[in-house]
Protein backbone atom coordinates (compact mmCIF):
# COMPACT_ATOMS: atom_id res chain seq x y z
CA MET A 1 21.55 -5.66 -0.95
CA LEU A 2 22.47 -3.02 -3.52
CA LEU A 3 22.41 -0.30 -0.87
CA LEU A 4 24.57 -2.17 1.48
CA LYS A 5 27.10 -2.89 -1.32
CA ILE A 6 27.15 0.87 -2.20
CA LYS A 7 27.67 1.85 1.32
CA MET A 8 30.55 -0.71 1.78
CA ALA A 9 32.14 0.55 -1.43
CA LEU A 10 31.82 4.19 -0.26
CA SER A 11 33.18 3.43 3.11
CA ARG A 12 36.23 1.78 1.54
CA LEU A 13 36.88 4.96 -0.34
CA GLY A 14 36.86 6.98 2.83
CA PHE A 15 33.28 8.36 2.87
CA ARG A 16 31.43 8.63 6.15
CA VAL A 17 28.75 6.03 5.97
CA SER A 18 26.23 4.89 8.59
CA TYR A 19 24.71 1.36 8.73
CA GLY A 20 21.42 2.11 10.40
CA LEU A 21 18.74 -0.47 11.03
CA GLU A 22 16.55 0.98 8.23
CA ASP A 23 19.45 0.72 5.84
CA LEU A 24 19.86 -2.83 6.67
CA LYS A 25 16.20 -3.55 6.29
CA LEU A 26 16.16 -1.77 3.04
CA ALA A 27 19.17 -3.75 1.78
CA LYS A 28 17.34 -6.90 2.54
CA LYS A 29 14.27 -5.85 0.59
CA SER A 30 14.66 -7.33 -2.97
CA ASN A 31 12.05 -5.32 -4.72
CA LEU A 32 13.27 -1.67 -4.61
CA ASP A 33 10.87 0.70 -6.32
CA LYS A 34 11.93 3.40 -8.75
CA GLN A 35 11.89 6.25 -6.29
CA ILE A 36 14.10 4.48 -3.80
CA LEU A 37 16.48 3.76 -6.69
CA LYS A 38 16.49 7.44 -7.60
CA ASP A 39 17.07 8.57 -4.14
CA ILE A 40 19.99 6.19 -3.49
CA MET A 41 21.56 7.12 -6.88
CA TYR A 42 21.17 10.87 -6.11
CA GLY A 43 22.87 10.32 -2.68
CA CYS A 44 25.68 8.39 -4.03
CA LEU A 45 26.47 10.89 -6.79
CA LYS A 46 26.11 13.78 -4.42
CA GLU A 47 28.70 12.20 -2.05
CA LEU A 48 31.03 11.68 -4.88
CA GLY A 49 30.61 15.22 -6.04
CA GLU A 50 31.29 16.73 -2.80
CA ASN A 51 34.44 14.68 -2.24
CA LYS A 52 37.34 16.82 -3.58
CA ASP A 53 39.50 13.64 -3.90
CA MET A 54 36.92 12.09 -6.21
CA PHE A 55 35.52 15.08 -8.22
CA TYR A 56 36.86 18.46 -9.22
CA HIS A 57 34.17 21.18 -9.41
CA SER A 58 34.92 24.40 -11.16
CA ASN A 59 33.03 27.58 -10.68
CA PHE A 60 33.87 28.56 -14.30
CA GLY A 61 31.38 26.04 -15.68
CA ARG A 62 30.53 22.42 -16.35
CA SER A 63 33.26 21.88 -19.04
CA TYR A 64 35.96 22.37 -16.34
CA SER A 65 34.31 19.96 -13.76
CA HIS A 66 35.29 16.34 -13.91
CA PHE A 67 35.88 13.14 -11.98
CA ASN A 68 39.47 12.83 -10.78
CA GLU A 69 41.29 9.53 -11.49
CA LYS A 70 40.49 8.34 -8.00
CA GLY A 71 36.81 8.95 -8.50
CA LYS A 72 36.29 7.40 -12.01
CA GLU A 73 36.35 3.83 -10.89
CA PRO A 74 33.77 4.18 -7.99
CA ALA A 75 31.51 6.28 -10.21
CA LEU A 76 31.49 3.60 -12.89
CA GLU A 77 31.01 0.83 -10.38
CA ILE A 78 27.96 2.57 -8.88
CA LEU A 79 26.60 3.31 -12.33
CA GLU A 80 26.92 -0.38 -13.42
CA ASP A 81 25.27 -1.51 -10.17
CA PHE A 82 22.44 0.81 -10.73
CA VAL A 83 21.85 -0.07 -14.41
CA CYS A 84 21.64 -3.71 -13.42
CA LYS A 85 19.22 -2.95 -10.61
CA ILE A 86 17.11 -0.78 -12.72
CA ARG A 87 16.87 -3.59 -15.30
CA GLU A 88 15.83 -5.98 -12.57
CA VAL A 89 13.12 -3.60 -11.40
CA GLU A 90 11.84 -3.02 -14.97
CA GLU A 91 11.77 -6.75 -15.71
CA GLN A 92 9.83 -7.46 -12.48
CA ALA A 93 7.30 -4.61 -13.20
CA TYR A 94 6.76 -6.16 -16.64
CA GLU A 95 6.29 -9.67 -15.22
CA ASP A 96 3.78 -8.18 -12.67
CA ARG A 97 1.81 -6.40 -15.37
CA LYS A 98 1.73 -9.72 -17.49
CA LYS A 99 0.39 -11.60 -14.49
CA LYS A 100 -2.18 -8.92 -13.66
CA ASP A 101 -3.36 -8.82 -17.31
CA THR A 102 -3.63 -12.63 -17.53
CA PHE A 103 -5.67 -12.82 -14.23
CA ASP A 104 -7.86 -9.93 -15.41
CA ALA A 105 -8.47 -11.75 -18.61
CA LEU A 106 -9.35 -14.97 -16.79
CA LYS A 107 -11.91 -13.06 -14.63
CA GLY A 108 -13.35 -11.29 -17.68
CA ASP A 109 -12.19 -7.85 -16.53
CA VAL A 110 -10.41 -7.03 -19.85
CA LYS A 111 -10.64 -3.39 -20.58
């Protein structure tokens, strides 16, 4: 769902976005893993960084590169969505570890 939301937000801002079958399947998958989140975040930031209407890149150095006014809101929106999704993934991983430890303790497999 997060991927679909990001793609819709990027398409509203004028980015070229494809809605392939794999994208829709991935969007429906509720438990995204860390690597998928990293890949999606990288792709989103890369697209924002390559769009001259959203981001100004200077060859003189990092201190001269910055998001334009038009790019600040979508960047913050994407960042907020990812922080929430990362917290969900971490909480789910914690719950999964707790369940595994409990079952291992019940089976007598405590290490």
